Protein backbone atom coordinates (compact mmCIF):
# COMPACT_ATOMS: atom_id res chain seq x y z
CA MET A 1 -61.21 -138.07 -81.30
CA SER A 2 -58.42 -139.24 -83.66
CA LYS A 3 -59.18 -140.42 -87.21
CA LEU A 4 -57.88 -143.86 -86.29
CA LYS A 5 -60.40 -144.21 -83.44
CA LEU A 6 -63.25 -143.02 -85.69
CA ILE A 7 -62.34 -145.63 -88.32
CA PHE A 8 -62.16 -148.33 -85.67
CA LEU A 9 -65.54 -147.24 -84.30
CA ALA A 10 -67.12 -147.29 -87.77
CA LEU A 11 -65.73 -150.76 -88.49
CA SER A 12 -67.07 -152.06 -85.18
CA LEU A 13 -70.51 -150.73 -85.88
CA ILE A 14 -70.49 -152.17 -89.42
CA MET A 15 -69.78 -155.55 -87.85
CA VAL A 16 -72.74 -155.09 -85.47
CA VAL A 17 -75.01 -154.15 -88.37
CA GLY A 18 -73.75 -157.09 -90.40
CA ILE A 19 -74.52 -159.46 -87.62
CA VAL A 20 -78.03 -158.01 -87.34
CA ASP A 21 -78.60 -158.19 -91.11
CA GLY A 22 -77.15 -161.65 -91.33
CA HIS A 23 -79.40 -163.05 -88.70
CA THR A 24 -82.64 -161.34 -89.47
CA LYS A 25 -84.93 -164.12 -88.42
CA GLN A 26 -83.11 -164.71 -85.14
CA THR A 27 -82.87 -160.99 -84.39
CA ASP A 28 -86.54 -160.37 -85.21
CA ALA A 29 -87.56 -163.33 -83.05
CA SER A 30 -85.46 -161.99 -80.18
CA VAL A 31 -86.88 -158.48 -80.63
CA LEU A 32 -90.47 -159.73 -80.80
CA SER A 33 -89.98 -161.68 -77.60
CA ILE A 34 -89.24 -158.46 -75.70
CA ASN A 35 -91.21 -156.03 -77.81
CA ASN A 36 -93.63 -153.97 -75.78
CA SER A 37 -96.40 -152.26 -77.72
CA THR A 38 -98.07 -148.89 -77.14
CA PRO A 39 -101.89 -148.64 -77.24
CA ASP A 40 -101.63 -147.68 -80.86
CA GLY A 41 -99.66 -150.87 -81.68
CA LEU A 42 -96.21 -149.24 -81.95
CA LYS A 43 -93.47 -151.82 -81.35
CA LYS A 44 -90.43 -151.17 -79.25
CA TYR A 45 -87.93 -151.22 -82.11
CA GLY A 46 -90.30 -149.88 -84.74
CA LYS A 47 -91.14 -151.37 -88.15
CA ASP A 48 -87.49 -151.90 -89.10
CA SER A 49 -85.92 -153.41 -86.00
CA ALA A 50 -82.52 -153.97 -87.58
CA THR A 51 -82.16 -150.32 -88.57
CA CYS A 52 -83.35 -149.22 -85.15
CA VAL A 53 -80.78 -151.38 -83.37
CA LYS A 54 -78.07 -150.10 -85.69
CA ASN A 55 -78.89 -146.44 -85.04
CA LEU A 56 -79.22 -147.05 -81.30
CA SER A 57 -75.70 -148.48 -81.29
CA LEU A 58 -74.31 -145.68 -83.37
CA TYR A 59 -75.81 -142.81 -81.38
CA ARG A 60 -75.01 -144.38 -78.05
CA GLU A 61 -71.37 -144.97 -78.92
CA PHE A 62 -70.87 -141.45 -80.25
CA TYR A 63 -72.79 -140.00 -77.26
CA LYS A 64 -70.58 -141.98 -74.87
CA GLN A 65 -67.42 -140.57 -76.49
CA TRP A 66 -68.92 -137.07 -76.48
CA ARG A 67 -69.72 -137.36 -72.74
CA ALA A 68 -66.22 -138.76 -71.99
CA GLY A 69 -64.82 -135.61 -73.63
CA LYS A 70 -66.92 -133.49 -71.31
CA TYR A 71 -69.37 -132.62 -74.13
CA LYS A 72 -66.83 -130.45 -75.99
CA ASP A 73 -66.30 -132.32 -79.27
CA ASN A 74 -68.97 -130.95 -81.62
CA ASN A 75 -68.15 -133.47 -84.33
CA LEU A 76 -69.08 -136.30 -81.95
CA LEU A 77 -72.25 -134.39 -81.03
CA GLN A 78 -73.26 -134.15 -84.69
CA GLN A 79 -72.60 -137.83 -85.30
CA ALA A 80 -74.58 -138.86 -82.19
CA GLU A 81 -77.47 -136.51 -83.05
CA LYS A 82 -77.72 -137.83 -86.59
CA SER A 83 -78.35 -141.40 -85.54
CA TRP A 84 -80.38 -140.29 -82.51
CA ARG A 85 -82.88 -138.54 -84.80
CA GLN A 86 -83.47 -141.75 -86.70
CA CYS A 87 -84.30 -143.54 -83.48
CA PHE A 88 -86.46 -140.68 -82.21
CA PHE A 89 -88.72 -140.65 -85.25
CA ASN A 90 -88.69 -144.34 -86.23
CA CYS A 91 -88.57 -146.26 -82.94
CA PRO A 92 -89.65 -143.78 -80.21
CA ILE A 93 -90.19 -146.40 -77.49
CA ALA A 94 -86.83 -148.14 -77.98
CA SER A 95 -85.15 -146.33 -75.06
CA LYS A 96 -86.09 -143.90 -72.28
CA ASN A 97 -82.48 -142.71 -72.12
CA MET A 98 -82.86 -141.55 -75.72
CA TYR A 99 -84.99 -138.65 -74.39
CA ILE A 100 -82.57 -137.80 -71.60
CA HIS A 101 -79.68 -137.72 -74.07
CA GLY A 102 -81.73 -135.76 -76.61
CA ASP A 103 -82.45 -133.12 -73.96
CA ARG A 104 -78.73 -132.70 -73.40
CA MET A 105 -77.90 -132.51 -77.08
CA MET A 106 -80.61 -129.98 -77.92
CA LYS A 107 -79.66 -127.71 -75.05
CA THR A 108 -76.08 -127.82 -76.22
CA TYR A 109 -77.13 -126.86 -79.78
CA ILE A 110 -79.27 -124.01 -78.39
CA LYS A 111 -76.21 -122.72 -76.51
CA LEU A 112 -73.93 -123.11 -79.53
CA ASN A 113 -76.36 -121.14 -81.66
CA LYS A 114 -77.33 -118.41 -79.23
CA ALA A 115 -75.98 -115.79 -81.67
CA ASP A 116 -78.51 -116.92 -84.27
CA SER A 117 -81.89 -116.78 -82.64
CA ALA A 118 -83.76 -118.33 -85.54
CA VAL A 119 -81.55 -121.40 -85.58
CA ALA A 120 -81.56 -121.69 -81.77
CA GLN A 121 -85.37 -121.58 -81.73
CA LYS A 122 -85.52 -124.50 -84.14
CA TYR A 123 -83.58 -126.54 -81.62
CA VAL A 124 -85.98 -125.30 -78.94
CA ASP A 125 -88.79 -126.71 -81.06
CA THR A 126 -87.03 -130.08 -81.10
CA LEU A 127 -86.45 -129.90 -77.34
CA LEU A 128 -90.18 -129.40 -76.75
CA MET A 129 -90.95 -132.19 -79.19
CA ILE A 130 -88.75 -134.43 -77.01
CA TYR A 131 -90.79 -133.57 -73.93
CA LYS A 132 -94.10 -134.22 -75.63
CA GLN A 133 -93.02 -137.56 -77.09
CA ARG A 134 -91.49 -138.65 -73.80
CA ILE A 135 -94.69 -137.79 -71.95
CA LYS A 136 -96.68 -139.68 -74.60
CA TYR A 137 -94.68 -142.89 -74.36
CA PHE A 138 -93.07 -142.74 -70.89
CA GLY A 139 -95.47 -140.49 -68.95
CA ASP A 140 -96.34 -143.27 -66.51
CA ASP A 141 -92.73 -143.73 -65.42
CA LYS A 142 -92.54 -143.82 -61.61
CA LYS A 143 -89.40 -141.72 -61.26
CA TYR A 144 -90.25 -139.18 -63.99
CA PRO A 145 -94.05 -139.16 -64.40
CA LYS A 146 -96.00 -136.82 -66.60
CA GLY A 147 -96.43 -134.16 -63.89
CA LYS A 148 -92.69 -133.87 -63.28
CA LEU A 149 -91.91 -133.76 -66.98
CA LEU A 150 -94.51 -131.05 -67.56
CA GLY A 151 -92.86 -128.96 -64.87
CA ARG A 152 -89.46 -129.33 -66.53
CA GLU A 153 -90.85 -128.57 -69.95
CA ALA A 154 -92.58 -125.45 -68.59
CA LYS A 155 -89.24 -124.29 -67.07
CA ASP A 156 -87.48 -124.65 -70.41
CA ILE A 157 -90.20 -122.82 -72.32
CA MET A 158 -89.94 -119.98 -69.79
CA LYS A 159 -86.17 -120.00 -70.19
CA TYR A 160 -86.11 -119.88 -73.94
CA ARG A 161 -89.41 -118.11 -74.66
CA VAL A 162 -89.95 -115.90 -71.69
CA ASN A 163 -92.80 -113.87 -73.18
CA GLU A 164 -94.96 -116.93 -73.86
CA SER A 165 -96.48 -117.07 -70.36
CA THR A 166 -99.80 -118.18 -71.84
CA VAL A 167 -98.03 -121.38 -72.88
CA TYR A 168 -95.84 -122.20 -69.87
CA TYR A 169 -98.01 -120.90 -67.04
CA PRO A 170 -100.88 -123.38 -67.63
CA MET A 171 -98.28 -126.17 -67.84
CA PHE A 172 -97.00 -125.27 -64.36
CA VAL A 173 -100.56 -125.30 -63.10
CA GLU A 174 -101.18 -128.78 -64.51
CA SER A 175 -97.82 -130.02 -63.22
CA PHE A 176 -98.68 -128.81 -59.71
CA LYS A 177 -102.12 -130.39 -59.84
CA LEU A 178 -100.54 -133.73 -60.75
CA MET A 179 -97.55 -133.58 -58.38
CA GLY A 180 -98.64 -131.39 -55.46
CA ASN A 181 -96.28 -131.93 -52.50
CA ASN A 182 -94.19 -134.25 -54.69
CA SER A 183 -93.21 -131.44 -57.02
CA GLU A 184 -89.53 -130.78 -57.58
CA PRO A 185 -88.24 -127.78 -55.50
CA THR A 186 -87.07 -125.82 -58.56
CA THR A 187 -90.40 -126.42 -60.31
CA LEU A 188 -92.20 -124.94 -57.28
CA PHE A 189 -90.02 -121.83 -57.44
CA TYR A 190 -90.45 -121.33 -61.15
CA PHE A 191 -94.18 -121.92 -60.85
CA TYR A 192 -94.14 -118.83 -58.65
CA VAL A 193 -91.99 -116.90 -61.18
CA ALA A 194 -94.31 -117.97 -63.99
CA SER A 195 -97.27 -116.61 -61.97
CA VAL A 196 -95.54 -113.26 -61.70
CA ARG A 197 -94.74 -113.21 -65.42
CA TYR A 198 -98.33 -114.18 -66.28
CA VAL A 199 -99.59 -111.22 -64.25
CA GLN A 200 -96.92 -108.86 -65.63
CA GLN A 201 -97.99 -109.80 -69.16
CA LYS A 202 -101.56 -108.68 -68.30
CA HIS A 203 -103.23 -112.12 -68.28
CA ALA A 204 -104.41 -112.00 -64.67
CA THR A 205 -104.63 -109.78 -61.60
CA ARG A 206 -102.03 -109.76 -58.84
CA ASP A 207 -104.28 -111.86 -56.65
CA LEU A 208 -103.16 -114.85 -58.72
CA ILE A 209 -99.58 -114.44 -57.52
CA LEU A 210 -100.60 -114.59 -53.89
CA GLU A 211 -103.02 -117.47 -54.39
CA ASN A 212 -100.29 -119.58 -56.00
CA TYR A 213 -97.71 -118.37 -53.46
CA VAL A 214 -99.76 -119.77 -50.59
CA ASP A 215 -100.11 -123.16 -52.28
CA ILE A 216 -96.44 -123.29 -53.27
CA GLN A 217 -95.35 -122.27 -49.76
CA ASP A 218 -97.53 -124.99 -48.25
CA ALA A 219 -95.79 -127.60 -50.46
CA ILE A 220 -92.31 -126.27 -49.52
CA GLU A 221 -93.12 -126.30 -45.80
CA TYR A 222 -94.48 -129.83 -46.12
CA ASN A 223 -91.21 -131.00 -47.67
CA ILE A 224 -89.05 -129.20 -45.14
CA ILE A 225 -90.77 -131.25 -42.46
CA ARG A 226 -90.75 -134.36 -44.64
CA TYR A 227 -87.00 -134.22 -45.24
CA ALA A 228 -85.93 -133.09 -41.79
CA ASP A 229 -83.66 -136.19 -41.55
CA ASN A 230 -82.42 -135.95 -45.14
CA PRO A 231 -79.85 -133.10 -45.28
CA LYS A 232 -79.45 -133.15 -49.08
CA GLU A 233 -83.16 -132.90 -49.90
CA LEU A 234 -83.80 -130.56 -46.98
CA ASP A 235 -81.16 -128.15 -48.30
CA ARG A 236 -82.84 -128.03 -51.73
CA PHE A 237 -86.19 -127.03 -50.33
CA GLN A 238 -84.68 -124.60 -47.84
CA LYS A 239 -82.81 -122.83 -50.61
CA VAL A 240 -85.94 -122.60 -52.71
CA ASN A 241 -87.79 -121.26 -49.66
CA GLU A 242 -85.16 -118.54 -49.17
CA ASN A 243 -85.35 -117.57 -52.87
CA LEU A 244 -89.13 -117.49 -52.77
CA GLU A 245 -89.06 -115.25 -49.73
CA LYS A 246 -86.66 -112.83 -51.38
CA ASN A 247 -88.85 -112.60 -54.46
CA VAL A 248 -92.27 -112.36 -52.83
CA SER A 249 -91.12 -109.78 -50.32
CA LYS A 250 -90.58 -107.31 -53.20
CA PHE A 251 -94.29 -106.69 -53.60
CA ALA A 252 -96.03 -108.60 -50.79
CA THR A 253 -94.94 -106.57 -47.78
CA CYS A 254 -97.51 -106.15 -45.01
CA ASP A 255 -98.10 -102.52 -45.97
CA LYS A 256 -98.71 -103.45 -49.62
CA LEU A 257 -101.08 -106.27 -48.65
CA VAL A 258 -103.05 -103.85 -46.51
CA GLN A 259 -103.15 -101.30 -49.38
CA LEU A 260 -104.28 -103.97 -51.81
CA TYR A 261 -106.86 -105.81 -49.76
CA GLY A 262 -108.13 -103.18 -47.34
CA PRO A 263 -110.23 -101.39 -49.99
CA LYS A 264 -111.42 -104.70 -51.45
CA LEU A 265 -112.70 -105.90 -48.09
CA LYS A 266 -114.53 -102.64 -47.46
CA ALA A 267 -116.05 -102.67 -50.93
CA THR A 268 -117.32 -106.25 -50.70
CA PRO A 269 -117.76 -107.00 -46.97
CA ASP A 270 -119.93 -110.05 -47.67
CA ASP A 271 -117.41 -111.75 -49.92
CA LEU A 272 -116.44 -114.73 -47.79
CA GLN A 273 -113.97 -116.13 -50.30
CA LEU A 274 -112.11 -112.80 -50.35
CA ALA A 275 -111.97 -112.86 -46.54
CA LYS A 276 -110.60 -116.43 -46.58
CA ASN A 277 -107.95 -115.46 -49.15
CA ILE A 278 -106.94 -112.47 -47.00
CA VAL A 279 -106.52 -114.73 -43.98
CA ARG A 280 -104.37 -117.17 -45.90
CA PHE A 281 -102.22 -114.47 -47.56
CA PHE A 282 -101.65 -112.46 -44.40
CA GLU A 283 -100.84 -115.53 -42.31
CA LYS A 284 -98.28 -116.73 -44.85
CA ARG A 285 -96.65 -113.30 -44.88
CA ARG A 286 -96.92 -113.00 -41.08
CA CYS A 287 -99.00 -109.85 -41.37
CA THR A 288 -101.46 -110.72 -38.63
CA LYS A 289 -101.20 -107.42 -36.73
CA SER A 290 -103.27 -105.41 -39.23
CA ASP A 291 -106.97 -104.51 -38.86
CA VAL A 292 -107.56 -105.93 -42.35
CA TYR A 293 -106.51 -109.34 -41.20
CA PHE A 294 -108.54 -109.01 -37.97
CA ASP A 295 -111.71 -108.04 -39.83
CA ALA A 296 -111.24 -110.79 -42.44
CA LEU A 297 -110.65 -113.46 -39.77
CA GLU A 298 -113.69 -112.32 -37.87
CA LYS A 299 -115.83 -112.85 -40.94
CA VAL A 300 -114.32 -116.24 -41.63
CA HIS A 301 -114.81 -117.35 -38.07
CA ALA A 302 -118.42 -116.19 -38.00
CA ALA A 303 -119.18 -118.16 -41.16
CA ASP A 304 -117.11 -121.24 -40.47
CA PRO A 305 -115.83 -121.34 -36.88
CA SER A 306 -112.95 -123.58 -35.85
CA PRO A 307 -110.85 -124.02 -32.71
CA GLU A 308 -107.87 -122.46 -34.49
CA SER A 309 -109.76 -119.41 -35.69
CA ALA A 310 -111.30 -118.97 -32.21
CA PHE A 311 -107.83 -119.01 -30.68
CA ALA A 312 -106.51 -116.56 -33.30
CA MET A 313 -109.41 -114.20 -32.71
CA GLY A 314 -108.90 -114.42 -28.98
CA ARG A 315 -105.21 -113.57 -29.35
CA LEU A 316 -105.87 -110.65 -31.67
CA SER A 317 -108.65 -109.28 -29.45
CA PHE A 318 -106.35 -109.50 -26.44
CA GLU A 319 -103.63 -107.61 -28.30
CA ARG A 320 -106.19 -104.89 -29.09
CA LYS A 321 -107.17 -104.80 -25.37
CA GLN A 322 -110.66 -105.96 -26.25
CA PHE A 323 -110.65 -108.26 -23.27
CA SER A 324 -114.36 -109.17 -23.15
CA LYS A 325 -114.27 -110.22 -26.78
CA ALA A 326 -110.99 -112.08 -26.17
CA LYS A 327 -112.57 -113.96 -23.29
CA THR A 328 -115.49 -115.12 -25.49
CA TYR A 329 -113.18 -116.43 -28.22
CA LEU A 330 -110.68 -118.03 -25.86
CA VAL A 331 -113.38 -119.87 -23.89
CA GLU A 332 -114.59 -121.21 -27.22
CA ALA A 333 -111.04 -122.20 -28.14
CA VAL A 334 -110.23 -124.12 -24.96
CA ASN A 335 -113.58 -125.91 -25.16
CA THR A 336 -113.16 -127.02 -28.75
CA LEU A 337 -109.41 -127.58 -29.17
CA PRO A 338 -108.74 -131.33 -28.90
CA ASP A 339 -106.70 -132.43 -25.91
CA SER A 340 -104.20 -134.04 -28.26
CA LEU A 341 -103.02 -130.55 -29.31
CA VAL A 342 -101.32 -129.99 -25.99
CA VAL A 343 -99.18 -127.03 -27.08
CA LYS A 344 -102.11 -125.07 -28.51
CA LYS A 345 -104.34 -126.02 -25.62
CA SER A 346 -101.82 -124.85 -23.00
CA SER A 347 -101.21 -121.65 -24.99
CA ALA A 348 -104.95 -120.97 -25.16
CA TYR A 349 -105.32 -121.42 -21.39
CA LEU A 350 -102.29 -119.23 -20.80
CA LEU A 351 -103.84 -116.41 -22.85
CA LEU A 352 -107.22 -116.97 -21.18
CA ALA A 353 -105.59 -116.62 -17.76
CA GLU A 354 -104.04 -113.31 -18.78
CA THR A 355 -107.39 -112.21 -20.19
CA TYR A 356 -109.22 -112.96 -16.92
CA ARG A 357 -106.49 -111.08 -15.04
CA SER A 358 -106.99 -108.04 -17.30
CA LEU A 359 -110.71 -108.26 -16.60
CA LYS A 360 -109.91 -108.32 -12.85
CA GLN A 361 -111.37 -111.76 -12.36
CA PRO A 362 -108.55 -113.36 -10.27
CA GLU A 363 -110.28 -116.63 -9.35
CA ALA A 364 -111.08 -117.39 -13.00
CA ALA A 365 -107.52 -116.42 -13.93
CA ARG A 366 -106.07 -118.82 -11.34
CA SER A 367 -108.36 -121.60 -12.53
CA ALA A 368 -107.23 -121.09 -16.17
CA ALA A 369 -103.57 -120.95 -15.09
CA LEU A 370 -103.81 -124.28 -13.33
CA LYS A 371 -105.33 -125.83 -16.46
CA ILE A 372 -102.16 -124.88 -18.31
CA LEU A 373 -100.23 -127.37 -16.21
CA LYS A 374 -102.55 -130.21 -17.28
CA TYR A 375 -101.31 -129.85 -20.85
CA ASN A 376 -97.78 -128.55 -20.19
CA PRO A 377 -96.52 -129.55 -16.72
CA LYS A 378 -93.29 -127.61 -17.23
CA GLU A 379 -94.91 -124.27 -18.11
CA GLY A 380 -93.60 -122.08 -15.28
CA MET A 381 -95.71 -119.14 -16.47
CA ALA A 382 -98.74 -120.81 -14.89
CA TYR A 383 -97.32 -120.31 -11.39
CA ILE A 384 -95.91 -116.88 -12.22
CA ILE A 385 -99.40 -115.68 -13.17
CA ILE A 386 -100.83 -117.04 -9.94
CA GLY A 387 -98.01 -115.42 -7.98
CA ASP A 388 -98.72 -112.09 -9.65
CA LEU A 389 -102.43 -112.48 -8.84
CA TYR A 390 -101.60 -112.99 -5.17
CA THR A 391 -99.23 -110.03 -5.15
CA SER A 392 -101.83 -107.69 -6.67
CA SER A 393 -104.37 -108.81 -4.01
CA ALA A 394 -101.98 -108.44 -1.07
CA SER A 395 -103.53 -105.26 0.34
CA LYS A 396 -107.03 -106.74 0.27
CA CYS A 397 -106.11 -110.18 1.64
CA ALA A 398 -104.09 -109.03 4.68
CA LEU A 399 -103.87 -110.57 8.18
CA LYS A 400 -103.54 -108.25 11.18
CA GLY A 401 -102.26 -105.55 8.84
CA LEU A 402 -99.59 -107.84 7.30
CA ARG A 403 -99.64 -108.48 3.58
CA ILE A 404 -99.33 -112.23 3.99
CA ALA A 405 -100.33 -112.82 0.34
CA TYR A 406 -96.66 -112.06 -0.43
CA TRP A 407 -95.73 -115.34 1.24
CA ALA A 408 -98.23 -117.24 -0.92
CA ALA A 409 -96.90 -115.41 -4.00
CA ALA A 410 -93.37 -116.44 -3.09
CA ASP A 411 -94.54 -120.07 -2.94
CA GLN A 412 -95.84 -119.79 -6.51
CA TYR A 413 -92.63 -118.20 -7.87
CA ALA A 414 -90.60 -120.97 -6.19
CA LYS A 415 -92.79 -123.58 -7.93
CA ALA A 416 -92.20 -121.86 -11.22
CA ILE A 417 -88.44 -121.98 -10.71
CA ALA A 418 -88.67 -125.67 -9.88
CA ILE A 419 -90.61 -126.79 -12.96
CA ALA A 420 -89.77 -124.29 -15.74
CA ASP A 421 -87.83 -125.75 -18.66
CA ASN A 422 -87.63 -122.38 -20.37
CA PRO A 423 -84.55 -120.44 -19.12
CA LYS A 424 -86.25 -117.09 -19.60
CA THR A 425 -89.29 -118.17 -17.60
CA LYS A 426 -87.06 -119.49 -14.83
CA GLU A 427 -85.06 -116.25 -14.78
CA MET A 428 -88.31 -114.22 -14.61
CA ALA A 429 -89.54 -116.27 -11.63
CA GLN A 430 -86.17 -115.88 -9.83
CA LYS A 431 -86.31 -112.09 -10.22
CA LYS A 432 -89.90 -111.92 -8.97
CA LEU A 433 -89.06 -114.11 -6.01
CA ALA A 434 -86.11 -111.87 -5.10
CA VAL A 435 -88.31 -108.77 -5.25
CA ILE A 436 -91.19 -110.26 -3.26
CA LYS A 437 -88.86 -111.36 -0.45
CA LYS A 438 -87.95 -107.67 0.07
CA SER A 439 -91.65 -107.06 0.85
CA PHE A 440 -91.80 -109.63 3.63
CA PRO A 441 -92.51 -108.09 7.08
CA GLU A 442 -89.79 -107.39 9.61
CA LYS A 443 -89.25 -109.89 12.48
CA GLN A 444 -90.62 -107.47 15.08
CA ASP A 445 -93.76 -106.95 13.05
CA ILE A 446 -94.32 -110.71 13.07
CA PHE A 447 -93.61 -110.92 16.79
CA MET A 448 -95.97 -108.04 17.61
CA ARG A 449 -98.84 -109.98 15.98
CA ASN A 450 -98.14 -113.16 17.93
CA LEU A 451 -96.90 -114.97 14.84
CA THR A 452 -93.85 -117.27 14.66
CA GLU A 453 -91.57 -117.87 11.67
CA GLY A 454 -92.34 -121.21 10.10
CA GLU A 455 -95.86 -121.17 11.47
CA LYS A 456 -98.65 -122.23 9.08
CA VAL A 457 -101.26 -119.61 8.28
CA THR A 458 -104.13 -119.31 5.80
CA VAL A 459 -104.36 -116.40 3.38
CA GLY A 460 -107.96 -115.28 3.36
CA CYS A 461 -110.40 -113.71 0.90
CA TRP A 462 -110.48 -115.19 -2.61
CA ILE A 463 -106.92 -116.61 -2.32
CA ASN A 464 -107.78 -119.10 0.48
CA VAL A 465 -104.50 -121.03 0.51
CA ASP A 466 -102.14 -122.10 3.27
CA THR A 467 -98.60 -120.68 3.49
CA VAL A 468 -95.78 -120.24 6.00
CA VAL A 469 -94.79 -117.20 8.06
CA ARG A 470 -91.53 -115.64 6.93
CA ALA A 471 -89.56 -112.50 7.79
CA LYS A 472 -87.44 -110.24 5.67
CA LYS A 473 -83.82 -111.37 5.66
């Protein structure tokens, strides 16, 4: 800024101050009419309203010029900060923007003095004082409430005093308690980082990291769904989610989780809370194939059964080829899952149908497969399963030596093709239909048994359905 502009600015401000001083009664009356008071009786413009107004004008004008110059003129910064300090200490509720501007000025001073740690840390002290005073007087602000400000303060303490995890970690905890799913995305990420630092500095065990990770991940996933139609906000949470995944994967791989919690579960098999934590951790990390997860979930389900845990236990038992156990859990799941959860309900019946098939109970398998269609009418796998059941029974359910169950199976594959909305399911049904048609009897074999193409016949034994006579093409 040129000297001429500075002189002009000073003269303008002197005129403002003169007006204030020359009309004390009018000014005071005006101030009193808008003065808000804090619970301790502090007035908006402090004890000396004229001086407060003067300093507000000075700092704001210098700050405006500093900002216009892209925050590069240190002389303007010093002038703004000088008057700003007077307002900060003498009329702290005069302006909320005063705290926003003070934050910017102190961080600039910290950067300018990074070569002198002692001086820089004094400005850090002032920065933290700004946060505390802002929370005290403006902590109920709707846009920037106490919880959000605590999160930002904790981030700055971690940035400038990284070893003081006993200071900033509890602040992140309190911020998260206050804000929950409304936490800022960067605060969520640095809450996780603070948890790691807190553990690394020997103030807690590694379990703390995973406990906080699960809660943080829940909040992120909530907001990814919440902002599905808001690209800007969605991008912020997705980026944090990616960064969180990169960081947590360094030490929370499935193998490491098994190594950490396997021995703990064996040592304290009756610790239900440990089992619940294992289930949460392993599910978040998608480590549900391990025996540790299976054993923990089994304990949790036994103590506090739910439709979801019954379904999960059924799936895991099926994957381990423990079909009788899978049947028990899946029957429980389909009987307790609410009909409103159509996707889960149809998936549970699908797995139950496969389980009955593995147990060689074809009628029960068909019954379960048909139930799939009640909840998902376009699930072609229901008809594919039934078609496969008919195919596997073809030798037992023959007519005059002909494996007529193949015709019934073909009918089921055709139905699957007609309804399936999943391209892979449709393709699977088409391939199975093409294969089964090759197993149809020859025309002479049909003729020799006094059958006619197109004639209606009933497939016997457990299948007991009508179909149509067809020959191999």
